[in-house]
Amino acid sequence: MIILRILLKSFFLTFLVVLFSSCSWLFTDHKYDYLKEETLDPLKIPTDKSARQVIDFYSVPEDEDQSFNANVYEVPLPEQFFSSGSSNEIRLHKLGELRWLYVESLPSSVWPLMKQFWSASEYGIEVEDPNLGVIETRPIEFEGNVSKFRVKVEHGIRSASSEVFISHLQQADAESWVRVDSDKNLEDSVLRAVLNFLSQSSSSQGTSLVALNLNLGQKAILKQDLNGASYIEMNLEFSRAWAAVDRALKEAVISVKDLDRKNGVFYVTFSQKEEKGFFGRLLDFNKSDMEQNFKILVMVEGSKCIVKVEGDNPESLLYERELLSQINQSLS
């Protein structure tokens, strides 16, 4: 009996020690512990293996000064990302002689549909490369010349969207192909046939694992510079970037007062009245603060374009990111 009491006391004391030692950890604020973590060396991939690229959507900006005060440290806002919704919209876009299809699905989902369309067509498939998103048909006879179609599936401007380009080529010599003149080629009619096929196809036919890398090439990304200012980086030439921003402003119902294409400037009025909802508009009597004037700048930087917003007074800074986010959400 005495031994049993001693064992119970020992167990009870051990339990109390464990309990109170764990309480000291449980009741301590650990929300900033992640800031103390160290970055380890990246994994080394064997030479005979390959790894798919990983996009870090919420990357931590590098800072030379690694010291911080947990009581005053402020976590910056992450970049804003938008899905293209579930409307599965398909549109035919035109810009000069350029034609392409806009599809509200990821390229890895559009790729198997393209293979299905061309395999069942009279042209068939001779070359396919899911890593590049390229399909080439078998050579056909067209107006006395040997010709073929080249299909390119790319990630679109908007998140989770695709663009399909079709080129009608004819053989120039044994080694090279050239595009058939726009007034003679079949690109428009074939694009419309593809559009009809995609419109009638099920939106839930799955995705292609071999084409997953095509999902990485989004052409427009909302970023922040070192000063915290937001901008949209567009992997497009100026003419397409300008047309995309113009279309986005119309889709977002943002009033354009004037524009200067030569200098890449839209002069717009952004109404906060539209963003406050019915009761917000009903109870807000300060009408002068509802509208702000902005300049939307489309600038060429190397092979890309940058879209920025500038307000006409200090108070406009509060709405610049919101305006840029709406433009980014409406890009297509």
C-alpha atoms as a PDB file:
ATOM      1  CA  MET A   1       0.000   0.000   0.000  1.00  0.00           C
ATOM      2  CA  ILE A   2       2.823   2.347   0.867  1.00  0.00           C
ATOM      3  CA  ILE A   3       4.545   1.589  -2.453  1.00  0.00           C
ATOM      4  CA  LEU A   4       1.323   2.336  -4.307  1.00  0.00           C
ATOM      5  CA  ARG A   5       1.008   5.722  -2.561  1.00  0.00           C
ATOM      6  CA  ILE A   6       4.604   6.570  -3.452  1.00  0.00           C
ATOM      7  CA  LEU A   7       3.980   5.657  -7.079  1.00  0.00           C
ATOM      8  CA  LEU A   8       0.797   7.748  -7.215  1.00  0.00           C
ATOM      9  CA  LYS A   9       2.595  10.748  -5.690  1.00  0.00           C
ATOM     10  CA  SER A  10       5.433  10.402  -8.171  1.00  0.00           C
ATOM     11  CA  PHE A  11       3.023  10.159 -11.064  1.00  0.00           C
ATOM     12  CA  PHE A  12       1.054  13.176  -9.817  1.00  0.00           C
ATOM     13  CA  LEU A  13       4.219  15.293  -9.391  1.00  0.00           C
ATOM     14  CA  THR A  14       5.450  14.309 -12.838  1.00  0.00           C
ATOM     15  CA  PHE A  15       2.066  15.211 -14.305  1.00  0.00           C
ATOM     16  CA  LEU A  16       2.138  18.653 -12.657  1.00  0.00           C
ATOM     17  CA  VAL A  17       5.644  19.356 -13.907  1.00  0.00           C
ATOM     18  CA  VAL A  18       4.710  18.421 -17.487  1.00  0.00           C
ATOM     19  CA  LEU A  19       1.460  20.377 -17.285  1.00  0.00           C
ATOM     20  CA  PHE A  20       2.977  23.642 -16.083  1.00  0.00           C
ATOM     21  CA  SER A  21       5.970  23.418 -18.406  1.00  0.00           C
ATOM     22  CA  SER A  22       3.638  22.983 -21.392  1.00  0.00           C
ATOM     23  CA  CYS A  23       1.446  25.885 -20.227  1.00  0.00           C
ATOM     24  CA  SER A  24       4.402  28.228 -20.490  1.00  0.00           C
ATOM     25  CA  TRP A  25       4.585  27.347 -24.212  1.00  0.00           C
ATOM     26  CA  LEU A  26       0.847  27.251 -24.858  1.00  0.00           C
ATOM     27  CA  PHE A  27       0.163  30.702 -23.433  1.00  0.00           C
ATOM     28  CA  THR A  28       3.050  32.371 -25.226  1.00  0.00           C
ATOM     29  CA  ASP A  29       2.360  34.364 -28.385  1.00  0.00           C
ATOM     30  CA  HIS A  30       3.956  32.435 -31.281  1.00  0.00           C
ATOM     31  CA  LYS A  31       2.446  34.323 -34.206  1.00  0.00           C
ATOM     32  CA  TYR A  32       5.807  35.853 -35.192  1.00  0.00           C
ATOM     33  CA  ASP A  33       7.860  32.675 -34.833  1.00  0.00           C
ATOM     34  CA  TYR A  34       7.827  32.163 -38.592  1.00  0.00           C
ATOM     35  CA  LEU A  35       9.861  35.350 -39.003  1.00  0.00           C
ATOM     36  CA  LYS A  36      12.760  33.672 -37.192  1.00  0.00           C
ATOM     37  CA  GLU A  37      12.901  30.724 -39.564  1.00  0.00           C
ATOM     38  CA  GLU A  38      16.059  30.285 -41.624  1.00  0.00           C
ATOM     39  CA  THR A  39      16.213  29.695 -45.360  1.00  0.00           C
ATOM     40  CA  LEU A  40      17.894  26.409 -46.204  1.00  0.00           C
ATOM     41  CA  ASP A  41      19.756  25.509 -49.355  1.00  0.00           C
ATOM     42  CA  PRO A  42      17.453  24.506 -52.231  1.00  0.00           C
ATOM     43  CA  LEU A  43      16.962  20.841 -52.967  1.00  0.00           C
ATOM     44  CA  LYS A  44      19.406  19.411 -55.467  1.00  0.00           C
ATOM     45  CA  ILE A  45      17.701  17.633 -58.332  1.00  0.00           C
ATOM     46  CA  PRO A  46      19.617  14.662 -59.806  1.00  0.00           C
ATOM     47  CA  THR A  47      20.943  15.342 -63.283  1.00  0.00           C
ATOM     48  CA  ASP A  48      18.786  12.603 -64.770  1.00  0.00           C
ATOM     49  CA  LYS A  49      15.601  14.073 -63.238  1.00  0.00           C
ATOM     50  CA  SER A  50      13.613  17.229 -63.925  1.00  0.00           C
ATOM     51  CA  ALA A  51      11.444  19.382 -61.708  1.00  0.00           C
ATOM     52  CA  ARG A  52       8.427  21.442 -62.662  1.00  0.00           C
ATOM     53  CA  GLN A  53       8.770  25.170 -62.064  1.00  0.00           C
ATOM     54  CA  VAL A  54       7.081  26.404 -58.897  1.00  0.00           C
ATOM     55  CA  ILE A  55       5.596  29.911 -58.794  1.00  0.00           C
ATOM     56  CA  ASP A  56       5.664  31.529 -55.366  1.00  0.00           C
ATOM     57  CA  PHE A  57       2.514  33.677 -55.414  1.00  0.00           C
ATOM     58  CA  TYR A  58       3.186  35.019 -51.891  1.00  0.00           C
ATOM     59  CA  SER A  59       6.932  35.540 -51.964  1.00  0.00           C
ATOM     60  CA  VAL A  60       8.615  37.363 -49.073  1.00  0.00           C
ATOM     61  CA  PRO A  61      10.591  40.397 -50.319  1.00  0.00           C
ATOM     62  CA  GLU A  62      14.295  40.311 -49.593  1.00  0.00           C
ATOM     63  CA  ASP A  63      15.477  42.740 -46.941  1.00  0.00           C
ATOM     64  CA  GLU A  64      19.104  43.386 -46.091  1.00  0.00           C
ATOM     65  CA  ASP A  65      18.158  44.232 -42.536  1.00  0.00           C
ATOM     66  CA  GLN A  66      16.911  40.959 -41.085  1.00  0.00           C
ATOM     67  CA  SER A  67      16.279  42.401 -37.603  1.00  0.00           C
ATOM     68  CA  PHE A  68      12.709  43.157 -36.663  1.00  0.00           C
ATOM     69  CA  ASN A  69      10.533  44.136 -33.758  1.00  0.00           C
ATOM     70  CA  ALA A  70       7.625  41.762 -33.387  1.00  0.00           C
ATOM     71  CA  ASN A  71       5.551  44.460 -31.680  1.00  0.00           C
ATOM     72  CA  VAL A  72       5.751  46.906 -34.573  1.00  0.00           C
ATOM     73  CA  TYR A  73       6.309  44.593 -37.546  1.00  0.00           C
ATOM     74  CA  GLU A  74       3.554  44.947 -40.131  1.00  0.00           C
ATOM     75  CA  VAL A  75       2.941  42.157 -42.605  1.00  0.00           C
ATOM     76  CA  PRO A  76       2.562  43.693 -46.114  1.00  0.00           C
ATOM     77  CA  LEU A  77      -0.520  43.015 -48.208  1.00  0.00           C
ATOM     78  CA  PRO A  78      -0.119  40.113 -50.637  1.00  0.00           C
ATOM     79  CA  GLU A  79      -0.588  40.565 -54.348  1.00  0.00           C
ATOM     80  CA  GLN A  80      -4.192  40.333 -55.463  1.00  0.00           C
ATOM     81  CA  PHE A  81      -5.167  37.495 -57.779  1.00  0.00           C
ATOM     82  CA  PHE A  82      -8.434  36.910 -59.512  1.00  0.00           C
ATOM     83  CA  SER A  83      -9.977  33.862 -61.045  1.00  0.00           C
ATOM     84  CA  SER A  84     -11.750  34.201 -64.340  1.00  0.00           C
ATOM     85  CA  GLY A  85     -14.961  32.886 -62.857  1.00  0.00           C
ATOM     86  CA  SER A  86     -16.949  29.905 -64.032  1.00  0.00           C
ATOM     87  CA  SER A  87     -18.688  31.357 -67.093  1.00  0.00           C
ATOM     88  CA  ASN A  88     -16.415  29.375 -69.485  1.00  0.00           C
ATOM     89  CA  GLU A  89     -16.607  32.296 -71.877  1.00  0.00           C
ATOM     90  CA  ILE A  90     -15.094  31.912 -75.347  1.00  0.00           C
ATOM     91  CA  ARG A  91     -14.484  34.911 -77.589  1.00  0.00           C
ATOM     92  CA  LEU A  92     -12.839  35.666 -80.915  1.00  0.00           C
ATOM     93  CA  HIS A  93     -10.448  38.617 -80.578  1.00  0.00           C
ATOM     94  CA  LYS A  94      -9.057  40.737 -83.399  1.00  0.00           C
ATOM     95  CA  LEU A  95      -6.220  43.261 -83.434  1.00  0.00           C
ATOM     96  CA  GLY A  96      -5.185  44.354 -86.900  1.00  0.00           C
ATOM     97  CA  GLU A  97      -4.418  41.164 -88.823  1.00  0.00           C
ATOM     98  CA  LEU A  98      -3.965  39.188 -85.602  1.00  0.00           C
ATOM     99  CA  ARG A  99      -6.767  36.785 -84.649  1.00  0.00           C
ATOM    100  CA  TRP A 100      -7.004  34.559 -81.608  1.00  0.00           C
ATOM    101  CA  LEU A 101      -9.503  32.816 -79.337  1.00  0.00           C
ATOM    102  CA  TYR A 102      -9.897  33.784 -75.689  1.00  0.00           C
ATOM    103  CA  VAL A 103     -11.014  30.833 -73.538  1.00  0.00           C
ATOM    104  CA  GLU A 104     -11.802  30.982 -69.815  1.00  0.00           C
ATOM    105  CA  SER A 105     -10.038  27.732 -68.981  1.00  0.00           C
ATOM    106  CA  LEU A 106      -6.474  26.842 -68.105  1.00  0.00           C
ATOM    107  CA  PRO A 107      -4.219  25.846 -71.036  1.00  0.00           C
ATOM    108  CA  SER A 108      -3.843  22.332 -69.600  1.00  0.00           C
ATOM    109  CA  SER A 109      -7.621  21.923 -70.026  1.00  0.00           C
ATOM    110  CA  VAL A 110      -7.729  23.494 -73.492  1.00  0.00           C
ATOM    111  CA  TRP A 111      -4.846  21.362 -74.809  1.00  0.00           C
ATOM    112  CA  PRO A 112      -6.715  17.995 -74.881  1.00  0.00           C
ATOM    113  CA  LEU A 113      -9.687  19.702 -76.568  1.00  0.00           C
ATOM    114  CA  MET A 114      -7.390  21.051 -79.286  1.00  0.00           C
ATOM    115  CA  LYS A 115      -5.954  17.582 -79.824  1.00  0.00           C
ATOM    116  CA  GLN A 116      -9.464  16.180 -80.061  1.00  0.00           C
ATOM    117  CA  PHE A 117     -10.547  18.818 -82.597  1.00  0.00           C
ATOM    118  CA  TRP A 118      -7.554  18.433 -84.917  1.00  0.00           C
ATOM    119  CA  SER A 119      -7.451  14.656 -84.672  1.00  0.00           C
ATOM    120  CA  ALA A 120     -11.065  14.480 -85.855  1.00  0.00           C
ATOM    121  CA  SER A 121     -10.574  17.116 -88.568  1.00  0.00           C
ATOM    122  CA  GLU A 122      -9.665  16.479 -92.195  1.00  0.00           C
ATOM    123  CA  TYR A 123      -6.188  17.851 -91.501  1.00  0.00           C
ATOM    124  CA  GLY A 124      -5.082  15.490 -88.710  1.00  0.00           C
ATOM    125  CA  ILE A 125      -2.009  15.964 -86.508  1.00  0.00           C
ATOM    126  CA  GLU A 126       1.569  15.484 -87.599  1.00  0.00           C
ATOM    127  CA  VAL A 127       3.445  17.238 -84.742  1.00  0.00           C
ATOM    128  CA  GLU A 128       2.393  17.935 -81.153  1.00  0.00           C
ATOM    129  CA  ASP A 129       4.455  19.397 -78.323  1.00  0.00           C
ATOM    130  CA  PRO A 130       2.560  19.918 -75.019  1.00  0.00           C
ATOM    131  CA  ASN A 131       5.584  21.630 -73.450  1.00  0.00           C
ATOM    132  CA  LEU A 132       5.404  24.406 -76.037  1.00  0.00           C
ATOM    133  CA  GLY A 133       1.654  24.163 -76.614  1.00  0.00           C
ATOM    134  CA  VAL A 134       2.177  23.597 -80.350  1.00  0.00           C
ATOM    135  CA  ILE A 135       0.208  21.420 -82.781  1.00  0.00           C
ATOM    136  CA  GLU A 136       1.006  21.167 -86.490  1.00  0.00           C
ATOM    137  CA  THR A 137      -1.308  19.477 -88.970  1.00  0.00           C
ATOM    138  CA  ARG A 138      -0.375  17.222 -91.829  1.00  0.00           C
ATOM    139  CA  PRO A 139       0.498  19.035 -95.100  1.00  0.00           C
ATOM    140  CA  ILE A 140      -2.469  19.687 -97.376  1.00  0.00           C
ATOM    141  CA  GLU A 141      -2.929  21.035-100.894  1.00  0.00           C
ATOM    142  CA  PHE A 142      -4.164  24.646-100.977  1.00  0.00           C
ATOM    143  CA  GLU A 143      -4.419  26.663-104.202  1.00  0.00           C
ATOM    144  CA  GLY A 144      -1.644  24.694-105.819  1.00  0.00           C
ATOM    145  CA  ASN A 145       0.705  24.978-102.853  1.00  0.00           C
ATOM    146  CA  VAL A 146       1.582  22.701 -99.948  1.00  0.00           C
ATOM    147  CA  SER A 147       0.228  24.216 -96.731  1.00  0.00           C
ATOM    148  CA  LYS A 148      -0.512  23.341 -93.109  1.00  0.00           C
ATOM    149  CA  PHE A 149      -1.914  24.829 -89.902  1.00  0.00           C
ATOM    150  CA  ARG A 150       0.148  25.641 -86.822  1.00  0.00           C
ATOM    151  CA  VAL A 151      -1.739  25.943 -83.517  1.00  0.00           C
ATOM    152  CA  LYS A 152      -0.327  27.631 -80.425  1.00  0.00           C
ATOM    153  CA  VAL A 153      -1.996  27.354 -76.995  1.00  0.00           C
ATOM    154  CA  GLU A 154      -0.795  29.942 -74.472  1.00  0.00           C
ATOM    155  CA  HIS A 155      -1.827  31.216 -71.051  1.00  0.00           C
ATOM    156  CA  GLY A 156      -4.060  34.254 -71.380  1.00  0.00           C
ATOM    157  CA  ILE A 157      -3.841  37.690 -69.809  1.00  0.00           C
ATOM    158  CA  ARG A 158      -6.367  36.900 -67.094  1.00  0.00           C
ATOM    159  CA  SER A 159      -5.710  34.276 -64.462  1.00  0.00           C
ATOM    160  CA  ALA A 160      -6.905  30.771 -65.460  1.00  0.00           C
ATOM    161  CA  SER A 161      -7.514  31.703 -69.086  1.00  0.00           C
ATOM    162  CA  SER A 162      -6.055  30.607 -72.426  1.00  0.00           C
ATOM    163  CA  GLU A 163      -5.384  32.035 -75.853  1.00  0.00           C
ATOM    164  CA  VAL A 164      -5.432  29.937 -79.024  1.00  0.00           C
ATOM    165  CA  PHE A 165      -3.565  31.191 -82.106  1.00  0.00           C
ATOM    166  CA  ILE A 166      -3.819  29.533 -85.527  1.00  0.00           C
ATOM    167  CA  SER A 167      -1.442  30.253 -88.407  1.00  0.00           C
ATOM    168  CA  HIS A 168      -2.037  29.090 -91.983  1.00  0.00           C
ATOM    169  CA  LEU A 169       1.391  28.370 -93.477  1.00  0.00           C
ATOM    170  CA  GLN A 170       2.556  27.418 -96.940  1.00  0.00           C
ATOM    171  CA  GLN A 171       5.845  25.801 -97.891  1.00  0.00           C
ATOM    172  CA  ALA A 172       8.390  28.276 -99.270  1.00  0.00           C
ATOM    173  CA  ASP A 173      11.116  25.689 -99.831  1.00  0.00           C
ATOM    174  CA  ALA A 174      12.208  22.339 -98.469  1.00  0.00           C
ATOM    175  CA  GLU A 175      13.170  23.811 -95.082  1.00  0.00           C
ATOM    176  CA  SER A 176      10.929  26.823 -94.446  1.00  0.00           C
ATOM    177  CA  TRP A 177       7.277  27.809 -94.210  1.00  0.00           C
ATOM    178  CA  VAL A 178       5.699  31.256 -94.557  1.00  0.00           C
ATOM    179  CA  ARG A 179       2.287  32.611 -93.559  1.00  0.00           C
ATOM    180  CA  VAL A 180      -0.356  32.683 -96.269  1.00  0.00           C
ATOM    181  CA  ASP A 181      -1.487  36.231 -97.107  1.00  0.00           C
ATOM    182  CA  SER A 182      -4.310  37.442 -94.851  1.00  0.00           C
ATOM    183  CA  ASP A 183      -6.726  37.891 -97.779  1.00  0.00           C
ATOM    184  CA  LYS A 184      -6.215  34.276 -98.850  1.00  0.00           C
ATOM    185  CA  ASN A 185      -5.601  32.248 -95.700  1.00  0.00           C
ATOM    186  CA  LEU A 186      -8.166  30.135 -93.869  1.00  0.00           C
ATOM    187  CA  GLU A 187      -7.310  31.298 -90.337  1.00  0.00           C
ATOM    188  CA  ASP A 188     -10.578  33.140 -89.680  1.00  0.00           C
ATOM    189  CA  SER A 189     -12.817  30.291 -90.827  1.00  0.00           C
ATOM    190  CA  VAL A 190     -10.794  27.670 -88.916  1.00  0.00           C
ATOM    191  CA  LEU A 191     -10.801  29.816 -85.750  1.00  0.00           C
ATOM    192  CA  ARG A 192     -14.583  30.054 -85.978  1.00  0.00           C
ATOM    193  CA  ALA A 193     -14.801  26.279 -86.382  1.00  0.00           C
ATOM    194  CA  VAL A 194     -12.632  25.832 -83.269  1.00  0.00           C
ATOM    195  CA  LEU A 195     -14.803  28.371 -81.416  1.00  0.00           C
ATOM    196  CA  ASN A 196     -17.956  26.403 -82.271  1.00  0.00           C
ATOM    197  CA  PHE A 197     -16.288  23.157 -81.199  1.00  0.00           C
ATOM    198  CA  LEU A 198     -15.183  24.580 -77.837  1.00  0.00           C
ATOM    199  CA  SER A 199     -18.613  26.124 -77.260  1.00  0.00           C
ATOM    200  CA  GLN A 200     -20.245  22.717 -77.673  1.00  0.00           C
ATOM    201  CA  SER A 201     -17.636  20.818 -75.653  1.00  0.00           C
ATOM    202  CA  SER A 202     -18.083  20.023 -71.992  1.00  0.00           C
ATOM    203  CA  SER A 203     -16.203  22.348 -69.642  1.00  0.00           C
ATOM    204  CA  SER A 204     -15.343  19.419 -67.348  1.00  0.00           C
ATOM    205  CA  GLN A 205     -13.418  17.153 -69.704  1.00  0.00           C
ATOM    206  CA  GLY A 206     -10.375  17.155 -67.446  1.00  0.00           C
ATOM    207  CA  THR A 207      -6.847  18.416 -67.755  1.00  0.00           C
ATOM    208  CA  SER A 208      -3.673  17.199 -69.432  1.00  0.00           C
ATOM    209  CA  LEU A 209      -0.851  16.363 -67.042  1.00  0.00           C
ATOM    210  CA  VAL A 210       1.762  16.673 -69.785  1.00  0.00           C
ATOM    211  CA  ALA A 211       0.601  20.240 -70.529  1.00  0.00           C
ATOM    212  CA  LEU A 212       0.568  21.538 -66.942  1.00  0.00           C
ATOM    213  CA  ASN A 213       3.622  23.718 -67.576  1.00  0.00           C
ATOM    214  CA  LEU A 214       1.500  25.811 -69.982  1.00  0.00           C
ATOM    215  CA  ASN A 215      -0.374  27.082 -66.909  1.00  0.00           C
ATOM    216  CA  LEU A 216       2.707  28.991 -65.759  1.00  0.00           C
ATOM    217  CA  GLY A 217       2.847  31.646 -68.467  1.00  0.00           C
ATOM    218  CA  GLN A 218       0.299  34.207 -67.268  1.00  0.00           C
ATOM    219  CA  LYS A 219       0.729  37.369 -69.337  1.00  0.00           C
ATOM    220  CA  ALA A 220      -0.403  39.920 -66.731  1.00  0.00           C
ATOM    221  CA  ILE A 221       0.622  39.962 -63.061  1.00  0.00           C
ATOM    222  CA  LEU A 222      -0.210  42.532 -60.386  1.00  0.00           C
ATOM    223  CA  LYS A 223       2.989  43.426 -58.526  1.00  0.00           C
ATOM    224  CA  GLN A 224       4.420  45.916 -56.037  1.00  0.00           C
ATOM    225  CA  ASP A 225       7.686  47.822 -56.284  1.00  0.00           C
ATOM    226  CA  LEU A 226      10.096  48.414 -53.395  1.00  0.00           C
ATOM    227  CA  ASN A 227       8.141  51.524 -52.366  1.00  0.00           C
ATOM    228  CA  GLY A 228       4.886  49.582 -52.086  1.00  0.00           C
ATOM    229  CA  ALA A 229       3.364  51.075 -55.258  1.00  0.00           C
ATOM    230  CA  SER A 230       1.268  48.651 -57.301  1.00  0.00           C
ATOM    231  CA  TYR A 231       1.600  48.070 -61.028  1.00  0.00           C
ATOM    232  CA  ILE A 232       0.617  45.467 -63.624  1.00  0.00           C
ATOM    233  CA  GLU A 233       3.405  43.752 -65.544  1.00  0.00           C
ATOM    234  CA  MET A 234       2.207  42.606 -68.970  1.00  0.00           C
ATOM    235  CA  ASN A 235       4.240  40.239 -71.114  1.00  0.00           C
ATOM    236  CA  LEU A 236       2.849  41.819 -74.295  1.00  0.00           C
ATOM    237  CA  GLU A 237       3.867  44.301 -76.952  1.00  0.00           C
ATOM    238  CA  PHE A 238       2.444  47.812 -76.639  1.00  0.00           C
ATOM    239  CA  SER A 239      -0.386  47.459 -79.161  1.00  0.00           C
ATOM    240  CA  ARG A 240      -1.865  44.423 -77.388  1.00  0.00           C
ATOM    241  CA  ALA A 241      -1.282  45.870 -73.911  1.00  0.00           C
ATOM    242  CA  TRP A 242      -3.016  49.124 -74.897  1.00  0.00           C
ATOM    243  CA  ALA A 243      -5.960  47.274 -76.448  1.00  0.00           C
ATOM    244  CA  ALA A 244      -6.258  44.983 -73.390  1.00  0.00           C
ATOM    245  CA  VAL A 245      -6.345  47.931 -70.953  1.00  0.00           C
ATOM    246  CA  ASP A 246      -8.869  49.745 -73.161  1.00  0.00           C
ATOM    247  CA  ARG A 247     -11.101  46.647 -73.192  1.00  0.00           C
ATOM    248  CA  ALA A 248     -10.693  46.207 -69.413  1.00  0.00           C
ATOM    249  CA  LEU A 249     -11.790  49.787 -68.725  1.00  0.00           C
ATOM    250  CA  LYS A 250     -14.934  49.236 -70.778  1.00  0.00           C
ATOM    251  CA  GLU A 251     -15.679  45.912 -69.076  1.00  0.00           C
ATOM    252  CA  ALA A 252     -15.181  47.454 -65.614  1.00  0.00           C
ATOM    253  CA  VAL A 253     -17.420  50.420 -66.612  1.00  0.00           C
ATOM    254  CA  ILE A 254     -14.683  52.925 -65.734  1.00  0.00           C
ATOM    255  CA  SER A 255     -15.307  56.278 -67.397  1.00  0.00           C
ATOM    256  CA  VAL A 256     -12.573  57.351 -69.839  1.00  0.00           C
ATOM    257  CA  LYS A 257     -12.591  61.145 -70.298  1.00  0.00           C
ATOM    258  CA  ASP A 258      -9.729  61.277 -72.792  1.00  0.00           C
ATOM    259  CA  LEU A 259      -6.813  59.195 -74.056  1.00  0.00           C
ATOM    260  CA  ASP A 260      -3.392  59.726 -75.618  1.00  0.00           C
ATOM    261  CA  ARG A 261      -2.241  56.537 -77.343  1.00  0.00           C
ATOM    262  CA  LYS A 262       1.025  58.081 -78.535  1.00  0.00           C
ATOM    263  CA  ASN A 263       2.134  58.650 -74.926  1.00  0.00           C
ATOM    264  CA  GLY A 264       0.243  55.649 -73.529  1.00  0.00           C
ATOM    265  CA  VAL A 265      -2.160  57.538 -71.225  1.00  0.00           C
ATOM    266  CA  PHE A 266      -5.833  57.028 -70.359  1.00  0.00           C
ATOM    267  CA  TYR A 267      -7.507  59.875 -68.444  1.00  0.00           C
ATOM    268  CA  VAL A 268     -10.253  58.307 -66.333  1.00  0.00           C
ATOM    269  CA  THR A 269     -12.708  59.092 -63.568  1.00  0.00           C
ATOM    270  CA  PHE A 270     -13.017  56.431 -60.898  1.00  0.00           C
ATOM    271  CA  SER A 271     -16.252  56.567 -58.921  1.00  0.00           C
ATOM    272  CA  GLN A 272     -16.210  55.214 -55.382  1.00  0.00           C
ATOM    273  CA  LYS A 273     -19.972  55.642 -55.438  1.00  0.00           C
ATOM    274  CA  GLU A 274     -20.230  52.501 -57.539  1.00  0.00           C
ATOM    275  CA  GLU A 275     -18.166  50.517 -55.054  1.00  0.00           C
ATOM    276  CA  LYS A 276     -20.046  51.363 -51.839  1.00  0.00           C
ATOM    277  CA  GLY A 277     -23.222  49.450 -52.579  1.00  0.00           C
ATOM    278  CA  PHE A 278     -26.806  50.643 -52.285  1.00  0.00           C
ATOM    279  CA  PHE A 279     -26.855  51.557 -48.582  1.00  0.00           C
ATOM    280  CA  GLY A 280     -23.376  53.090 -48.778  1.00  0.00           C
ATOM    281  CA  ARG A 281     -24.545  55.402 -51.564  1.00  0.00           C
ATOM    282  CA  LEU A 282     -27.794  56.145 -49.757  1.00  0.00           C
ATOM    283  CA  LEU A 283     -26.111  57.234 -46.533  1.00  0.00           C
ATOM    284  CA  ASP A 284     -23.086  58.981 -48.074  1.00  0.00           C
ATOM    285  CA  PHE A 285     -23.923  62.656 -48.627  1.00  0.00           C
ATOM    286  CA  ASN A 286     -20.386  63.758 -49.477  1.00  0.00           C
ATOM    287  CA  LYS A 287     -20.712  63.542 -53.264  1.00  0.00           C
ATOM    288  CA  SER A 288     -17.513  65.489 -53.932  1.00  0.00           C
ATOM    289  CA  ASP A 289     -15.366  62.679 -52.529  1.00  0.00           C
ATOM    290  CA  MET A 290     -16.932  59.951 -54.641  1.00  0.00           C
ATOM    291  CA  GLU A 291     -15.094  60.656 -57.881  1.00  0.00           C
ATOM    292  CA  GLN A 292     -11.374  61.006 -58.415  1.00  0.00           C
ATOM    293  CA  ASN A 293      -9.434  61.711 -61.584  1.00  0.00           C
ATOM    294  CA  PHE A 294      -6.596  59.390 -62.573  1.00  0.00           C
ATOM    295  CA  LYS A 295      -4.087  58.813 -65.321  1.00  0.00           C
ATOM    296  CA  ILE A 296      -3.532  55.189 -66.357  1.00  0.00           C
ATOM    297  CA  LEU A 297      -0.082  54.859 -67.885  1.00  0.00           C
ATOM    298  CA  VAL A 298       0.864  52.058 -70.292  1.00  0.00           C
ATOM    299  CA  MET A 299       4.665  52.128 -70.608  1.00  0.00           C
ATOM    300  CA  VAL A 300       7.091  49.943 -72.545  1.00  0.00           C
ATOM    301  CA  GLU A 301       9.944  48.446 -70.513  1.00  0.00           C
ATOM    302  CA  GLY A 302      12.111  46.146 -72.591  1.00  0.00           C
ATOM    303  CA  SER A 303       9.992  43.387 -74.091  1.00  0.00           C
ATOM    304  CA  LYS A 304       7.150  43.983 -71.600  1.00  0.00           C
ATOM    305  CA  CYS A 305       4.665  46.708 -70.727  1.00  0.00           C
ATOM    306  CA  ILE A 306       3.987  48.236 -67.312  1.00  0.00           C
ATOM    307  CA  VAL A 307       0.584  49.629 -66.324  1.00  0.00           C
ATOM    308  CA  LYS A 308       0.520  52.209 -63.513  1.00  0.00           C
ATOM    309  CA  VAL A 309      -2.071  54.541 -62.030  1.00  0.00           C
ATOM    310  CA  GLU A 310      -1.478  58.152 -60.975  1.00  0.00           C
ATOM    311  CA  GLY A 311      -4.009  60.286 -59.117  1.00  0.00           C
ATOM    312  CA  ASP A 312      -4.350  64.064 -59.380  1.00  0.00           C
ATOM    313  CA  ASN A 313      -4.235  64.716 -55.610  1.00  0.00           C
ATOM    314  CA  PRO A 314      -2.813  63.069 -52.450  1.00  0.00           C
ATOM    315  CA  GLU A 315      -6.218  61.662 -51.465  1.00  0.00           C
ATOM    316  CA  SER A 316      -6.291  59.627 -54.688  1.00  0.00           C
ATOM    317  CA  LEU A 317      -3.539  57.384 -53.347  1.00  0.00           C
ATOM    318  CA  LEU A 318      -6.163  55.576 -51.274  1.00  0.00           C
ATOM    319  CA  TYR A 319      -7.924  54.370 -54.419  1.00  0.00           C
ATOM    320  CA  GLU A 320      -5.045  53.783 -56.848  1.00  0.00           C
ATOM    321  CA  ARG A 321      -4.559  50.123 -55.857  1.00  0.00           C
ATOM    322  CA  GLU A 322      -8.305  49.485 -55.971  1.00  0.00           C
ATOM    323  CA  LEU A 323      -8.522  50.976 -59.475  1.00  0.00           C
ATOM    324  CA  LEU A 324      -5.527  48.975 -60.656  1.00  0.00           C
ATOM    325  CA  SER A 325      -7.045  45.808 -59.167  1.00  0.00           C
ATOM    326  CA  GLN A 326     -10.287  46.367 -61.060  1.00  0.00           C
ATOM    327  CA  ILE A 327      -8.367  46.827 -64.304  1.00  0.00           C
ATOM    328  CA  ASN A 328      -6.373  43.659 -63.623  1.00  0.00           C
ATOM    329  CA  GLN A 329      -9.546  41.728 -62.864  1.00  0.00           C
ATOM    330  CA  SER A 330     -11.133  42.831 -66.163  1.00  0.00           C
ATOM    331  CA  LEU A 331      -8.159  42.171 -68.452  1.00  0.00           C
ATOM    332  CA  SER A 332      -8.784  39.603 -71.168  1.00  0.00           C
END
